Amino acid sequence: MSALVNSLSRFPLRHLDLGGRRLAYRSAGRGPALVLLHGISSGSGSWVCQLEPLAREFTLVAWDAPGYGQSTPLATATPSALDYAAVLHDLVVALALERPLLLGHSLGAMIGAAYASRHPDGVRGLVLANPAQGYGRADADTREQVYRKRPDMLRKLGHQGLAAARGPVLLSQHAGQDQLDLVAHGMMGLTLAGFEAASYLLAHDDIRDYLADCPAPIGVIYGEEDVITPPAGVLELAAGYPGVGIEPLAGAGHASYIDQPDAFGRALRRLIGALPNRGVQA
C-alpha cells in the first residue's frame, strides 16, 4: 500500500448520528472551519494531502457524502444538490462549524454551491475546484447517458477494474504511483447506491442554478491538464460571475488537489487571502 494511503491512519473516520442517519467524516486541526467536499468517484480520504498542512490554519472536516463509504444513502435515488446540501447542513450544525468556508471538488462543487445558495449567511466563501457543472440543461438522451455511464462501469468492471480504467483519467501524465493508489483507494469505497444517486445528480442538475443565488465570495481552482472538466468550460463558467478569483494549476489533471497538492494549497491560500474582510483570514 502506498505512503499516501497509509497516511490515512492519522485521520481515522469519525461518525455522527444525524437523526438515525450515519455520516462518516475525517477531521483535523483548529481554527476557522474549512469543509472539504469530494467528487463523484472519491471519498473523504482523497483529501489526505490537505489534512495535515492545512490543519495548522483551519478546522478541517472532510465528509463521505451520503451513500459513500460508511455514510447512509439519501432517502431518494433521484436527488438534486439540495438533498446533499441538507445533510451537509446537519453536519455543520452537529459539529458547530461557524460560517465555514466550503471547498468542493468536481461534483462536490455543485453541492457546495447548493449549500451556499440556501444558507447565504452561513458561508464565508466558496471554492470550486475543477467544478462539475452538471447536465441539467442538456437533452434527455445526454442526461440518460451521463446517469448510466459510471454505475454501469462499476457493475461491469468491479471496483478494481473501475479504478484501473478511470483512475489515470483523473490525473495528469505527471502523476506518480502514490497518487494513482490514492485515487484507486477512493474508488474502492464506492457503493452502487451512492454512485447511482450521485450520477443522477450529475446528469439532472446544474451548478449555475445555485451560483446565481450564491452571495458568498467565490474562488475557482482548475487543472490545466484536466480532461474531465476542461479549462475552457471552467473559465466560461467563472466568467459569468464578476469578481471570481481564478487559480490555474500547471501539471494538474482533474483531481488537481491530489496531482499537485503543494501548488493547490498555495492557490487555496491566495484565494482565501483575497476574500473580503468578512471572510476567513488564514
Protein backbone atom coordinates (compact mmCIF):
# COMPACT_ATOMS: atom_id res chain seq x y z
CA MET A 1 0.00 0.00 0.00
CA SER A 2 1.31 3.45 -0.88
CA ALA A 3 2.58 6.01 1.60
CA LEU A 4 -0.35 8.34 0.89
CA VAL A 5 -2.93 5.65 1.58
CA ASN A 6 -1.06 4.56 4.71
CA SER A 7 -1.09 8.14 5.97
CA LEU A 8 -4.88 7.98 6.23
CA SER A 9 -4.42 6.13 9.52
CA ARG A 10 -3.54 9.51 11.07
CA PHE A 11 -7.03 10.76 10.21
CA PRO A 12 -9.44 7.96 11.14
CA LEU A 13 -13.07 8.04 10.18
CA ARG A 14 -15.47 9.50 12.71
CA HIS A 15 -19.22 9.08 12.71
CA LEU A 16 -22.27 11.18 13.51
CA ASP A 17 -25.81 10.01 14.08
CA LEU A 18 -27.97 12.59 12.37
CA GLY A 19 -31.50 11.61 13.26
CA GLY A 20 -30.91 7.95 12.56
CA ARG A 21 -28.68 8.67 9.57
CA ARG A 22 -25.00 7.86 9.89
CA LEU A 23 -22.49 10.25 8.39
CA ALA A 24 -18.77 9.46 8.23
CA TYR A 25 -16.09 12.13 8.11
CA ARG A 26 -12.44 12.87 8.85
CA SER A 27 -11.22 15.90 10.73
CA ALA A 28 -8.05 17.69 11.72
CA GLY A 29 -6.72 20.97 13.01
CA ARG A 30 -8.12 24.02 14.71
CA GLY A 31 -9.13 27.48 13.59
CA PRO A 32 -11.72 28.71 11.07
CA ALA A 33 -13.78 25.88 9.61
CA LEU A 34 -12.97 24.54 6.15
CA VAL A 35 -15.28 21.79 4.85
CA LEU A 36 -13.94 19.52 2.08
CA LEU A 37 -16.46 18.03 -0.34
CA HIS A 38 -15.22 15.21 -2.58
CA GLY A 39 -16.25 14.37 -6.14
CA ILE A 40 -18.31 11.59 -7.66
CA SER A 41 -15.64 8.87 -7.72
CA SER A 42 -13.94 9.62 -4.44
CA GLY A 43 -14.35 9.98 -0.67
CA SER A 44 -13.06 11.75 2.41
CA GLY A 45 -9.69 10.01 2.25
CA SER A 46 -8.84 11.70 -1.04
CA TRP A 47 -8.11 14.90 0.93
CA VAL A 48 -5.27 13.37 2.94
CA CYS A 49 -2.69 15.62 1.22
CA GLN A 50 -4.55 18.66 2.59
CA LEU A 51 -5.47 17.44 6.06
CA GLU A 52 -2.01 17.75 7.57
CA PRO A 53 -0.63 21.01 6.08
CA LEU A 54 -3.91 22.94 6.33
CA ALA A 55 -4.53 21.74 9.89
CA ARG A 56 -2.14 24.44 11.08
CA GLU A 57 -4.63 27.08 9.95
CA PHE A 58 -8.10 25.52 9.85
CA THR A 59 -10.51 23.14 11.45
CA LEU A 60 -10.83 20.71 8.56
CA VAL A 61 -13.82 18.46 8.02
CA ALA A 62 -13.85 16.08 5.04
CA TRP A 63 -17.09 14.16 4.69
CA ASP A 64 -18.08 10.95 3.00
CA ALA A 65 -21.15 12.17 1.15
CA PRO A 66 -24.43 10.28 1.71
CA GLY A 67 -24.15 6.86 0.08
CA TYR A 68 -20.34 6.93 0.11
CA GLY A 69 -18.15 4.77 2.31
CA GLN A 70 -19.88 4.32 5.67
CA SER A 71 -22.39 7.17 5.23
CA THR A 72 -26.07 6.28 4.95
CA PRO A 73 -27.53 6.84 1.46
CA LEU A 74 -30.06 9.56 0.82
CA ALA A 75 -33.73 8.68 1.14
CA THR A 76 -34.17 9.42 -2.57
CA ALA A 77 -32.45 7.77 -5.54
CA THR A 78 -33.14 10.83 -7.72
CA PRO A 79 -31.59 13.69 -5.75
CA SER A 80 -30.76 17.28 -6.53
CA ALA A 81 -27.78 19.03 -4.99
CA LEU A 82 -30.15 20.42 -2.38
CA ASP A 83 -30.69 16.93 -0.94
CA TYR A 84 -26.96 16.61 -0.27
CA ALA A 85 -26.81 20.20 0.97
CA ALA A 86 -29.48 19.40 3.56
CA VAL A 87 -27.32 16.63 5.03
CA LEU A 88 -24.30 18.90 4.87
CA HIS A 89 -26.21 21.46 6.92
CA ASP A 90 -26.93 18.79 9.53
CA LEU A 91 -23.18 18.11 9.69
CA VAL A 92 -22.33 21.80 10.04
CA VAL A 93 -24.85 22.20 12.86
CA ALA A 94 -23.82 18.98 14.66
CA LEU A 95 -20.15 20.00 14.67
CA ALA A 96 -20.96 23.65 15.49
CA LEU A 97 -18.96 24.90 12.50
CA GLU A 98 -19.34 28.66 12.45
CA ARG A 99 -19.75 30.07 8.92
CA PRO A 100 -17.44 27.54 7.26
CA LEU A 101 -15.51 28.02 4.08
CA LEU A 102 -16.60 25.35 1.59
CA LEU A 103 -14.14 23.67 -0.78
CA GLY A 104 -15.90 21.45 -3.29
CA HIS A 105 -14.14 19.34 -5.88
CA SER A 106 -15.95 18.35 -9.08
CA LEU A 107 -19.46 17.22 -8.07
CA GLY A 108 -18.69 18.47 -4.57
CA ALA A 109 -18.55 21.97 -6.07
CA MET A 110 -22.21 21.66 -7.06
CA ILE A 111 -23.14 20.54 -3.55
CA GLY A 112 -21.19 23.43 -2.06
CA ALA A 113 -22.92 25.89 -4.39
CA ALA A 114 -26.32 24.49 -3.44
CA TYR A 115 -25.49 24.86 0.25
CA ALA A 116 -24.28 28.43 -0.18
CA SER A 117 -27.42 29.35 -2.13
CA ARG A 118 -29.65 28.13 0.71
CA HIS A 119 -27.55 29.40 3.61
CA PRO A 120 -26.27 32.76 2.36
CA ASP A 121 -25.33 33.98 5.83
CA GLY A 122 -23.78 30.69 6.85
CA VAL A 123 -20.86 30.51 4.43
CA ARG A 124 -17.69 32.61 4.48
CA GLY A 125 -16.65 31.65 0.99
CA LEU A 126 -16.96 29.00 -1.70
CA VAL A 127 -14.01 27.50 -3.56
CA LEU A 128 -14.81 25.42 -6.64
CA ALA A 129 -12.02 23.03 -7.59
CA ASN A 130 -12.31 21.57 -11.09
CA PRO A 131 -16.07 22.10 -10.84
CA ALA A 132 -18.56 19.77 -12.48
CA GLN A 133 -21.31 21.91 -13.97
CA GLY A 134 -23.92 19.18 -14.41
CA TYR A 135 -26.05 18.27 -17.42
CA GLY A 136 -29.41 19.56 -16.23
CA ARG A 137 -29.79 21.75 -19.32
CA ALA A 138 -28.75 19.02 -21.78
CA ASP A 139 -31.14 16.96 -23.89
CA ALA A 140 -32.84 13.89 -22.45
CA ASP A 141 -30.59 11.36 -24.24
CA THR A 142 -27.43 13.03 -22.93
CA ARG A 143 -28.79 13.12 -19.40
CA GLU A 144 -29.64 9.43 -19.55
CA GLN A 145 -26.17 8.52 -20.87
CA VAL A 146 -24.47 10.50 -18.11
CA TYR A 147 -26.69 8.93 -15.47
CA ARG A 148 -25.95 5.37 -16.61
CA LYS A 149 -22.28 5.63 -17.56
CA ARG A 150 -20.45 5.38 -14.23
CA PRO A 151 -22.73 2.91 -12.41
CA ASP A 152 -22.69 0.64 -15.45
CA MET A 153 -18.88 0.69 -15.42
CA LEU A 154 -18.87 -0.26 -11.73
CA ARG A 155 -21.27 -3.15 -12.41
CA LYS A 156 -19.25 -4.39 -15.38
CA LEU A 157 -15.71 -3.86 -14.14
CA GLY A 158 -15.99 -4.06 -10.36
CA HIS A 159 -14.14 -1.71 -8.05
CA GLN A 160 -10.62 -2.69 -9.09
CA GLY A 161 -11.48 -2.60 -12.78
CA LEU A 162 -13.11 0.81 -12.42
CA ALA A 163 -10.05 2.14 -10.62
CA ALA A 164 -7.76 0.78 -13.34
CA ALA A 165 -9.88 2.27 -16.13
CA ARG A 166 -10.85 5.62 -14.62
CA GLY A 167 -8.12 6.38 -12.11
CA PRO A 168 -5.46 7.52 -14.59
CA VAL A 169 -8.01 9.74 -16.38
CA LEU A 170 -8.47 11.79 -13.21
CA LEU A 171 -4.77 12.62 -13.01
CA SER A 172 -2.20 14.21 -15.25
CA GLN A 173 0.55 12.31 -17.03
CA HIS A 174 2.93 13.51 -14.32
CA ALA A 175 1.16 11.62 -11.53
CA GLY A 176 3.10 9.01 -9.62
CA GLN A 177 2.06 5.67 -8.19
CA ASP A 178 1.22 7.18 -4.81
CA GLN A 179 -1.35 9.46 -6.44
CA LEU A 180 -2.78 6.65 -8.54
CA ASP A 181 -3.09 4.46 -5.45
CA LEU A 182 -4.89 7.21 -3.54
CA VAL A 183 -7.41 7.67 -6.35
CA ALA A 184 -7.92 3.90 -6.52
CA HIS A 185 -8.40 3.75 -2.75
CA GLY A 186 -11.24 6.24 -3.01
CA MET A 187 -12.93 4.21 -5.71
CA MET A 188 -12.74 1.06 -3.61
CA GLY A 189 -15.09 2.71 -1.12
CA LEU A 190 -17.85 3.37 -3.65
CA THR A 191 -21.27 1.84 -3.14
CA LEU A 192 -23.56 1.24 -6.08
CA ALA A 193 -26.48 3.07 -4.44
CA GLY A 194 -24.35 6.11 -3.67
CA PHE A 195 -22.75 6.09 -7.10
CA GLU A 196 -26.11 5.88 -8.83
CA ALA A 197 -27.61 8.73 -6.80
CA ALA A 198 -24.60 10.96 -7.41
CA SER A 199 -24.70 10.10 -11.12
CA TYR A 200 -28.35 11.13 -11.21
CA LEU A 201 -27.37 14.44 -9.60
CA LEU A 202 -24.64 14.99 -12.20
CA ALA A 203 -27.00 14.17 -15.06
CA HIS A 204 -30.02 16.17 -13.96
CA ASP A 205 -28.80 19.22 -12.04
CA ASP A 206 -26.83 22.33 -12.97
CA ILE A 207 -24.39 24.31 -10.82
CA ARG A 208 -25.44 27.58 -12.45
CA ASP A 209 -28.87 27.31 -10.87
CA TYR A 210 -27.19 27.64 -7.47
CA LEU A 211 -24.38 30.06 -8.22
CA ALA A 212 -26.99 32.54 -9.41
CA ASP A 213 -28.27 32.69 -5.82
CA CYS A 214 -24.89 32.49 -4.08
CA PRO A 215 -23.84 35.76 -2.39
CA ALA A 216 -20.67 34.29 -0.88
CA PRO A 217 -17.26 35.16 -2.36
CA ILE A 218 -16.29 32.55 -4.95
CA GLY A 219 -12.89 31.24 -5.99
CA VAL A 220 -12.03 28.72 -8.69
CA ILE A 221 -9.06 26.34 -8.96
CA TYR A 222 -8.58 24.23 -12.06
CA GLY A 223 -6.00 21.89 -13.53
CA GLU A 224 -4.55 22.89 -16.88
CA GLU A 225 -4.45 19.21 -17.92
CA ASP A 226 -7.98 18.36 -16.78
CA VAL A 227 -9.80 16.27 -19.41
CA ILE A 228 -12.93 15.70 -17.28
CA THR A 229 -13.86 19.33 -16.64
CA PRO A 230 -11.61 21.03 -19.21
CA PRO A 231 -10.21 24.51 -18.51
CA ALA A 232 -12.23 26.20 -21.27
CA GLY A 233 -15.51 25.18 -19.68
CA VAL A 234 -14.38 26.15 -16.19
CA LEU A 235 -13.25 29.58 -17.39
CA GLU A 236 -16.52 30.10 -19.23
CA LEU A 237 -18.41 29.28 -16.03
CA ALA A 238 -16.27 31.63 -13.94
CA ALA A 239 -16.72 34.47 -16.44
CA GLY A 240 -20.41 34.58 -15.59
CA TYR A 241 -19.72 35.72 -12.03
CA PRO A 242 -17.78 39.01 -11.70
CA GLY A 243 -15.12 39.11 -9.04
CA VAL A 244 -14.41 35.39 -9.02
CA GLY A 245 -10.80 34.59 -8.15
CA ILE A 246 -9.22 32.11 -10.57
CA GLU A 247 -6.15 29.94 -9.94
CA PRO A 248 -4.82 27.67 -12.73
CA LEU A 249 -2.57 24.76 -11.78
CA ALA A 250 0.08 23.69 -14.24
CA GLY A 251 0.70 19.96 -14.47
CA ALA A 252 -2.59 19.10 -12.79
CA GLY A 253 -5.45 16.98 -14.07
CA HIS A 254 -9.00 16.70 -12.78
CA ALA A 255 -8.05 15.62 -9.26
CA SER A 256 -5.80 18.66 -9.00
CA TYR A 257 -5.55 18.55 -5.20
CA ILE A 258 -4.07 15.05 -5.46
CA ASP A 259 -1.98 15.74 -8.57
CA GLN A 260 -0.31 18.93 -7.32
CA PRO A 261 -1.11 19.23 -3.59
CA ASP A 262 1.53 21.86 -2.78
CA ALA A 263 0.51 24.13 -5.65
CA PHE A 264 -3.14 23.51 -4.77
CA GLY A 265 -2.50 24.61 -1.19
CA ARG A 266 -0.79 27.80 -2.32
CA ALA A 267 -3.64 28.58 -4.70
CA LEU A 268 -6.20 27.97 -1.97
CA ARG A 269 -4.39 30.27 0.44
CA ARG A 270 -4.25 33.02 -2.19
CA LEU A 271 -7.97 32.75 -2.78
CA ILE A 272 -8.71 32.80 0.93
CA GLY A 273 -6.40 35.76 1.45
CA ALA A 274 -8.29 37.70 -1.21
CA LEU A 275 -11.69 37.20 0.46
CA PRO A 276 -13.45 40.31 1.77
CA ASN A 277 -12.92 41.21 5.41
CA ARG A 278 -15.98 39.23 6.40
CA GLY A 279 -14.33 36.09 5.01
CA VAL A 280 -11.84 33.71 6.53
CA GLN A 281 -8.45 35.13 7.37
CA ALA A 282 -5.84 32.40 7.19
